[in-house]
Protein backbone atom coordinates (compact mmCIF):
# COMPACT_ATOMS: atom_id res chain seq x y z
CA MET A 1 -15.56 -14.10 36.26
CA ILE A 2 -15.36 -12.13 33.22
CA THR A 3 -12.48 -12.18 30.68
CA VAL A 4 -12.19 -8.92 28.36
CA ASP A 5 -10.91 -9.01 24.91
CA ASN A 6 -10.77 -5.41 23.91
CA GLN A 7 -10.35 -5.47 20.42
CA THR A 8 -10.07 -1.70 19.95
CA ASP A 9 -7.86 1.20 20.69
CA THR A 10 -10.07 2.56 23.18
CA PRO A 11 -9.43 1.85 26.74
CA ILE A 12 -12.52 1.74 28.82
CA GLU A 13 -12.88 0.39 32.49
CA THR A 14 -14.64 -2.96 33.10
CA GLY A 15 -14.13 -3.64 36.57
CA HIS A 16 -17.49 -2.27 37.37
CA LEU A 17 -18.99 -5.06 35.47
CA LYS A 18 -17.94 -7.86 38.03
CA PRO A 19 -20.33 -7.37 40.46
CA ILE A 20 -23.14 -7.37 37.92
CA ALA A 21 -22.07 -10.84 36.87
CA GLU A 22 -21.57 -12.11 40.17
CA ALA A 23 -25.19 -11.06 41.13
CA LEU A 24 -26.59 -13.02 38.21
CA THR A 25 -24.18 -16.25 37.58
CA PRO A 26 -21.09 -17.99 39.22
CA ARG A 27 -20.31 -18.71 35.53
CA GLU A 28 -17.47 -17.28 33.29
CA ILE A 29 -18.35 -14.68 30.73
CA GLU A 30 -16.31 -13.64 27.81
CA LEU A 31 -16.80 -10.11 26.99
CA ILE A 32 -15.32 -9.00 23.48
CA LEU A 33 -15.26 -5.09 22.88
CA CYS A 34 -15.05 -4.08 19.56
CA ASP A 35 -15.94 -1.61 16.78
CA ASP A 36 -19.14 -1.10 14.84
CA THR A 37 -17.73 -2.71 11.83
CA THR A 38 -16.83 -5.93 13.57
CA ILE A 39 -20.38 -5.84 15.26
CA ARG A 40 -22.14 -5.29 11.80
CA THR A 41 -20.12 -8.29 10.42
CA LEU A 42 -21.13 -10.64 13.42
CA ASN A 43 -24.94 -9.33 13.08
CA ARG A 44 -24.95 -10.04 9.49
CA GLU A 45 -23.41 -13.40 9.90
CA HIS A 46 -25.48 -14.56 12.68
CA ARG A 47 -28.55 -12.62 12.83
CA ASN A 48 -28.94 -11.71 8.79
CA LEU A 49 -29.00 -8.04 9.91
CA ASP A 50 -26.85 -5.96 7.92
CA LYS A 51 -26.21 -3.24 10.10
CA ALA A 52 -24.26 -2.33 13.52
CA THR A 53 -25.88 -2.91 16.60
CA ASP A 54 -24.88 -2.35 20.43
CA VAL A 55 -24.60 -5.86 22.07
CA LEU A 56 -24.88 -9.44 20.88
CA SER A 57 -25.02 -12.70 23.07
CA PHE A 58 -23.72 -15.81 22.11
CA PRO A 59 -24.67 -18.59 24.68
CA LEU A 60 -23.26 -21.86 25.09
CA GLU A 61 -25.38 -24.82 25.50
CA GLY A 62 -25.29 -27.03 28.38
CA ASP A 63 -24.38 -26.70 31.83
CA LEU A 64 -21.05 -28.94 32.45
CA PRO A 65 -18.95 -27.99 35.67
CA GLY A 66 -16.65 -25.26 34.71
CA GLN A 67 -18.29 -24.40 31.59
CA PRO A 68 -18.52 -20.74 30.60
CA LEU A 69 -22.17 -19.15 30.22
CA GLY A 70 -20.99 -17.50 26.70
CA ALA A 71 -19.92 -14.60 24.99
CA LEU A 72 -21.14 -10.87 24.73
CA VAL A 73 -20.03 -8.95 22.02
CA ILE A 74 -20.23 -5.16 22.54
CA SER A 75 -19.56 -2.11 20.40
CA LEU A 76 -17.53 0.54 21.95
CA ASP A 77 -18.44 2.97 18.98
CA HIS A 78 -22.09 2.17 20.27
CA VAL A 79 -21.25 3.01 23.85
CA HIS A 80 -19.62 6.12 23.33
CA ALA A 81 -22.20 7.47 20.99
CA ARG A 82 -25.17 6.48 23.07
CA ALA A 83 -23.49 7.76 26.38
CA GLU A 84 -23.16 11.22 24.79
CA ASP A 85 -26.73 11.08 23.43
CA LEU A 86 -28.29 10.01 26.59
CA GLY A 87 -25.78 12.20 28.85
CA HIS A 88 -24.22 9.60 31.11
CA SER A 89 -20.98 7.98 31.06
CA PRO A 90 -19.32 5.47 28.70
CA MET A 91 -18.90 3.11 31.77
CA GLU A 92 -22.59 3.35 32.69
CA GLU A 93 -23.70 2.75 29.17
CA LEU A 94 -21.37 -0.37 29.03
CA ALA A 95 -22.94 -1.58 32.28
CA LEU A 96 -26.36 -1.14 30.64
CA LEU A 97 -25.38 -3.15 27.57
CA PHE A 98 -23.73 -5.85 29.60
CA ILE A 99 -26.68 -6.28 31.89
CA HIS A 100 -29.24 -6.64 28.81
CA GLY A 101 -26.51 -8.93 27.10
CA LEU A 102 -26.06 -11.14 30.27
CA LEU A 103 -29.80 -11.48 30.70
CA HIS A 104 -30.05 -13.09 27.20
CA LEU A 105 -27.17 -15.44 27.87
CA LEU A 106 -29.05 -16.34 31.16
CA GLY A 107 -32.37 -17.30 28.78
CA TYR A 108 -34.68 -13.87 28.67
CA ASP A 109 -35.86 -12.76 25.59
CA HIS A 110 -37.78 -9.52 25.63
CA GLU A 111 -39.25 -10.30 22.06
CA THR A 112 -41.04 -13.55 23.35
CA ASP A 113 -41.47 -13.20 27.14
CA ARG A 114 -44.27 -11.13 28.97
CA GLY A 115 -42.35 -8.41 30.30
CA GLU A 116 -39.95 -10.64 32.74
CA MET A 117 -36.95 -9.45 30.92
CA ARG A 118 -37.67 -5.81 31.35
CA ALA A 119 -38.56 -6.29 34.77
CA GLU A 120 -35.34 -7.73 35.75
CA GLU A 121 -33.38 -5.32 33.79
CA ALA A 122 -35.18 -2.68 35.72
CA ARG A 123 -34.42 -4.34 39.02
CA LEU A 124 -30.52 -4.65 38.24
CA ILE A 125 -30.49 -0.87 36.97
CA ARG A 126 -31.88 0.17 40.14
CA GLU A 127 -29.83 -2.21 42.28
CA PHE A 128 -26.46 -1.01 40.41
CA GLY A 129 -27.60 2.80 40.54
CA LEU A 130 -27.50 3.12 36.86
CA PRO A 131 -29.63 5.38 34.31
CA ASP A 132 -32.93 4.06 33.32
CA SER A 133 -32.30 4.51 29.75
CA LEU A 134 -32.09 1.17 28.52
CA ILE A 135 -35.70 0.60 29.92
CA ILE A 136 -36.96 3.75 28.18
CA ARG A 137 -35.51 3.16 25.13
CA THR A 138 -36.07 -0.55 24.87
CA GLU A 139 -39.92 0.04 25.36
CA GLY A 140 -39.92 2.65 22.83
CA GLY A 141 -39.00 -0.06 20.35
CA GLU A 142 -35.09 0.61 19.75
């Protein structure tokens, strides 16, 4: 189950994210949609990086019955800008960022693993018929 908190004035469809979440976990996920200003503040507070980013993951520790997996924060400013830059829809970009963030919630870490997260992203991108721009841009160091 996904609980969506859209903190922006920009409406965006999120129903297409449910099958992705269900393919990876039965646990609840909080999805917070915000603007670049908000995500920059969170990035500065939690990662000491004073810049806007596309997605942040906040996993909850433990595995108690009924406990949510954690929260994802995605910047809709970033979603719309990257979708336009890369020539796909905002819904596709949101799904790509959702996959990336959800894998982090599940414990994957592309900065320390041996390619497992990239391989899982690629598998999910193919499974859900999404553009492969996430793999291309993350392999390029973005």
